[in-house]
C-alpha atoms as a PDB file:
ATOM      1  CA  GLN A   1     -23.515 -94.888 -45.695  1.00  0.00           C
ATOM      2  CA  VAL A   2     -26.649 -96.432 -46.350  1.00  0.00           C
ATOM      3  CA  GLN A   3     -29.739 -94.342 -45.710  1.00  0.00           C
ATOM      4  CA  LEU A   4     -33.441 -94.992 -45.809  1.00  0.00           C
ATOM      5  CA  VAL A   5     -35.352 -92.001 -45.977  1.00  0.00           C
ATOM      6  CA  GLU A   6     -39.198 -91.951 -45.402  1.00  0.00           C
ATOM      7  CA  SER A   7     -41.653 -89.069 -46.996  1.00  0.00           C
ATOM      8  CA  GLY A   8     -45.220 -88.400 -47.738  1.00  0.00           C
ATOM      9  CA  GLY A   9     -46.637 -88.255 -44.056  1.00  0.00           C
ATOM     10  CA  GLY A  10     -49.149 -85.598 -43.134  1.00  0.00           C
ATOM     11  CA  SER A  11     -52.454 -84.988 -41.664  1.00  0.00           C
ATOM     12  CA  VAL A  12     -55.574 -86.358 -43.370  1.00  0.00           C
ATOM     13  CA  GLN A  13     -59.280 -86.865 -42.473  1.00  0.00           C
ATOM     14  CA  ALA A  14     -60.539 -90.058 -41.901  1.00  0.00           C
ATOM     15  CA  GLY A  15     -61.355 -91.887 -45.147  1.00  0.00           C
ATOM     16  CA  GLY A  16     -58.815 -90.075 -46.876  1.00  0.00           C
ATOM     17  CA  SER A  17     -55.642 -91.355 -48.475  1.00  0.00           C
ATOM     18  CA  LEU A  18     -51.803 -90.948 -48.498  1.00  0.00           C
ATOM     19  CA  THR A  19     -48.785 -92.490 -50.093  1.00  0.00           C
ATOM     20  CA  LEU A  20     -45.692 -92.827 -48.301  1.00  0.00           C
ATOM     21  CA  SER A  21     -42.265 -93.284 -49.853  1.00  0.00           C
ATOM     22  CA  CYS A  22     -38.820 -94.544 -48.796  1.00  0.00           C
ATOM     23  CA  GLU A  23     -35.785 -93.919 -50.832  1.00  0.00           C
ATOM     24  CA  ARG A  24     -32.527 -95.559 -50.216  1.00  0.00           C
ATOM     25  CA  SER A  25     -29.074 -94.290 -51.246  1.00  0.00           C
ATOM     26  CA  GLY A  26     -25.612 -95.173 -50.352  1.00  0.00           C
ATOM     27  CA  ILE A  27     -26.060 -98.641 -51.618  1.00  0.00           C
ATOM     28  CA  GLU A  28     -26.436-100.237 -55.267  1.00  0.00           C
ATOM     29  CA  TYR A  29     -29.867-101.535 -56.299  1.00  0.00           C
ATOM     30  CA  SER A  30     -28.384-104.803 -56.710  1.00  0.00           C
ATOM     31  CA  HIS A  31     -27.701-105.421 -52.982  1.00  0.00           C
ATOM     32  CA  PHE A  32     -31.306-104.818 -51.906  1.00  0.00           C
ATOM     33  CA  ARG A  33     -32.658-106.598 -54.959  1.00  0.00           C
ATOM     34  CA  ASP A  34     -33.467-109.700 -53.109  1.00  0.00           C
ATOM     35  CA  TYR A  35     -33.997-107.912 -49.569  1.00  0.00           C
ATOM     36  CA  CYS A  36     -37.177-108.135 -47.739  1.00  0.00           C
ATOM     37  CA  MET A  37     -38.593-104.456 -47.492  1.00  0.00           C
ATOM     38  CA  ALA A  38     -41.152-103.781 -44.887  1.00  0.00           C
ATOM     39  CA  TRP A  39     -43.238-100.931 -43.412  1.00  0.00           C
ATOM     40  CA  PHE A  40     -43.617-100.646 -39.645  1.00  0.00           C
ATOM     41  CA  ARG A  41     -45.743 -98.229 -37.630  1.00  0.00           C
ATOM     42  CA  GLN A  42     -45.721 -96.981 -34.036  1.00  0.00           C
ATOM     43  CA  ALA A  43     -48.616 -95.378 -32.314  1.00  0.00           C
ATOM     44  CA  PRO A  44     -48.100 -93.206 -29.132  1.00  0.00           C
ATOM     45  CA  GLY A  45     -47.738 -95.650 -26.139  1.00  0.00           C
ATOM     46  CA  LYS A  46     -47.723 -98.651 -28.406  1.00  0.00           C
ATOM     47  CA  GLU A  47     -45.034-100.895 -29.723  1.00  0.00           C
ATOM     48  CA  ARG A  48     -43.565-100.695 -33.376  1.00  0.00           C
ATOM     49  CA  GLU A  49     -45.700-103.115 -35.573  1.00  0.00           C
ATOM     50  CA  GLY A  50     -45.225-104.368 -38.974  1.00  0.00           C
ATOM     51  CA  VAL A  51     -47.925-103.332 -41.459  1.00  0.00           C
ATOM     52  CA  ALA A  52     -46.850-104.788 -44.744  1.00  0.00           C
ATOM     53  CA  THR A  53     -43.591-106.488 -46.476  1.00  0.00           C
ATOM     54  CA  ILE A  54     -42.319-107.245 -50.094  1.00  0.00           C
ATOM     55  CA  ASP A  55     -39.960-109.684 -50.653  1.00  0.00           C
ATOM     56  CA  GLY A  56     -37.327-109.874 -53.610  1.00  0.00           C
ATOM     57  CA  ASP A  57     -39.845-111.550 -55.924  1.00  0.00           C
ATOM     58  CA  GLY A  58     -42.610-108.913 -55.181  1.00  0.00           C
ATOM     59  CA  ARG A  59     -44.454-111.171 -53.006  1.00  0.00           C
ATOM     60  CA  THR A  60     -46.407-109.088 -50.455  1.00  0.00           C
ATOM     61  CA  THR A  61     -47.896-109.661 -47.041  1.00  0.00           C
ATOM     62  CA  TYR A  62     -50.142-107.353 -44.857  1.00  0.00           C
ATOM     63  CA  SER A  63     -51.310-107.152 -41.128  1.00  0.00           C
ATOM     64  CA  GLU A  64     -55.158-107.722 -40.674  1.00  0.00           C
ATOM     65  CA  SER A  65     -55.764-104.372 -39.632  1.00  0.00           C
ATOM     66  CA  VAL A  66     -54.608-102.780 -43.123  1.00  0.00           C
ATOM     67  CA  LYS A  67     -55.326-105.746 -45.411  1.00  0.00           C
ATOM     68  CA  GLY A  68     -57.375-104.447 -48.408  1.00  0.00           C
ATOM     69  CA  ARG A  69     -56.560-100.723 -47.544  1.00  0.00           C
ATOM     70  CA  PHE A  70     -52.801-100.447 -47.898  1.00  0.00           C
ATOM     71  CA  THR A  71     -50.578-101.431 -50.745  1.00  0.00           C
ATOM     72  CA  ILE A  72     -46.755-101.831 -50.646  1.00  0.00           C
ATOM     73  CA  SER A  73     -44.721-101.585 -53.801  1.00  0.00           C
ATOM     74  CA  LYS A  74     -41.278-101.003 -54.926  1.00  0.00           C
ATOM     75  CA  ASP A  75     -39.627 -99.541 -57.774  1.00  0.00           C
ATOM     76  CA  ASN A  76     -36.069-101.132 -58.016  1.00  0.00           C
ATOM     77  CA  ALA A  77     -35.027 -98.896 -60.736  1.00  0.00           C
ATOM     78  CA  LYS A  78     -35.623 -95.758 -58.694  1.00  0.00           C
ATOM     79  CA  ASN A  79     -34.415 -97.403 -55.448  1.00  0.00           C
ATOM     80  CA  ALA A  80     -37.876 -96.723 -53.827  1.00  0.00           C
ATOM     81  CA  LEU A  81     -40.408 -98.315 -51.638  1.00  0.00           C
ATOM     82  CA  SER A  82     -44.052 -97.176 -51.409  1.00  0.00           C
ATOM     83  CA  LEU A  83     -46.973 -97.704 -49.217  1.00  0.00           C
ATOM     84  CA  GLN A  84     -50.412 -96.699 -50.359  1.00  0.00           C
ATOM     85  CA  MET A  85     -52.873 -95.878 -47.894  1.00  0.00           C
ATOM     86  CA  ILE A  86     -56.571 -95.552 -48.665  1.00  0.00           C
ATOM     87  CA  SER A  87     -59.696 -95.477 -46.433  1.00  0.00           C
ATOM     88  CA  LEU A  88     -57.494 -94.237 -43.484  1.00  0.00           C
ATOM     89  CA  LYS A  89     -58.675 -94.471 -40.027  1.00  0.00           C
ATOM     90  CA  SER A  90     -58.136 -92.798 -36.910  1.00  0.00           C
ATOM     91  CA  GLU A  91     -56.284 -96.097 -35.625  1.00  0.00           C
ATOM     92  CA  ASP A  92     -53.908 -95.687 -38.399  1.00  0.00           C
ATOM     93  CA  THR A  93     -52.290 -92.581 -36.649  1.00  0.00           C
ATOM     94  CA  GLY A  94     -48.591 -93.151 -35.875  1.00  0.00           C
ATOM     95  CA  MET A  95     -45.001 -92.779 -37.202  1.00  0.00           C
ATOM     96  CA  TYR A  96     -44.388 -94.958 -40.307  1.00  0.00           C
ATOM     97  CA  TYR A  97     -40.992 -96.493 -40.785  1.00  0.00           C
ATOM     98  CA  CYS A  98     -39.317 -98.423 -43.719  1.00  0.00           C
ATOM     99  CA  ALA A  99     -36.839-101.095 -43.121  1.00  0.00           C
ATOM    100  CA  ALA A 100     -34.704-103.383 -45.360  1.00  0.00           C
ATOM    101  CA  GLU A 101     -33.018-106.841 -44.390  1.00  0.00           C
ATOM    102  CA  ASN A 102     -32.032-110.135 -46.076  1.00  0.00           C
ATOM    103  CA  LEU A 103     -34.843-112.030 -44.132  1.00  0.00           C
ATOM    104  CA  VAL A 104     -36.794-115.281 -44.772  1.00  0.00           C
ATOM    105  CA  PRO A 105     -39.624-115.622 -44.421  1.00  0.00           C
ATOM    106  CA  CYS A 106     -40.486-111.880 -45.227  1.00  0.00           C
ATOM    107  CA  THR A 107     -43.726-111.649 -43.703  1.00  0.00           C
ATOM    108  CA  VAL A 108     -46.000-109.717 -41.206  1.00  0.00           C
ATOM    109  CA  ALA A 109     -48.585-112.459 -40.960  1.00  0.00           C
ATOM    110  CA  GLY A 110     -48.622-115.901 -39.461  1.00  0.00           C
ATOM    111  CA  ASP A 111     -46.744-117.430 -36.627  1.00  0.00           C
ATOM    112  CA  ALA A 112     -43.344-115.682 -37.172  1.00  0.00           C
ATOM    113  CA  PRO A 113     -43.859-112.046 -38.200  1.00  0.00           C
ATOM    114  CA  VAL A 114     -40.947-109.965 -38.817  1.00  0.00           C
ATOM    115  CA  ARG A 115     -39.788-107.569 -36.114  1.00  0.00           C
ATOM    116  CA  TRP A 116     -38.446-104.088 -36.139  1.00  0.00           C
ATOM    117  CA  ALA A 117     -35.259-105.671 -34.576  1.00  0.00           C
ATOM    118  CA  ASP A 118     -34.658-108.091 -37.210  1.00  0.00           C
ATOM    119  CA  PHE A 119     -33.980-105.303 -39.715  1.00  0.00           C
ATOM    120  CA  GLY A 120     -30.383-103.873 -40.058  1.00  0.00           C
ATOM    121  CA  TYR A 121     -31.665-101.011 -42.178  1.00  0.00           C
ATOM    122  CA  GLY A 122     -34.305 -98.530 -41.142  1.00  0.00           C
ATOM    123  CA  GLY A 123     -35.401 -94.868 -41.642  1.00  0.00           C
ATOM    124  CA  GLN A 124     -36.330 -92.259 -39.075  1.00  0.00           C
ATOM    125  CA  GLY A 125     -39.961 -92.320 -39.886  1.00  0.00           C
ATOM    126  CA  THR A 126     -42.699 -89.909 -41.344  1.00  0.00           C
ATOM    127  CA  GLN A 127     -45.305 -88.897 -39.126  1.00  0.00           C
ATOM    128  CA  VAL A 128     -49.176 -89.759 -40.208  1.00  0.00           C
ATOM    129  CA  THR A 129     -52.174 -88.096 -38.480  1.00  0.00           C
ATOM    130  CA  VAL A 130     -55.666 -89.286 -38.944  1.00  0.00           C
ATOM    131  CA  PHE A 131     -58.340 -87.203 -37.746  1.00  0.00           C
ATOM    132  CA  SER A 132     -62.323 -87.513 -37.602  1.00  0.00           C
END
């Protein structure tokens, strides 16, 4: 059974940083090698939105709200996906989810951003709370 498990969430003061991790198990690395990997977040009362993607070639995209502050990366050898977040703001508060799917294009920007419903693999989320 394929599992994606997020970790690293917590409470942090505005301006602080956190690094989220997403580990996958139950499937060989080679299966996900060319997949689109993404981080989504959902604030209370709002829809789940994509914040960052990374494709099989390592190309990344970011939503405008996090560009310059968040960095998505992956370590295929460790079967892990990360999201480094700096200069956190209160509006970054929400549940963060990782996802994986064989998708093209793999982007949260432009006219056709990926949606949570496009992904066949998704985790249960990790909570990030940014307080002033």
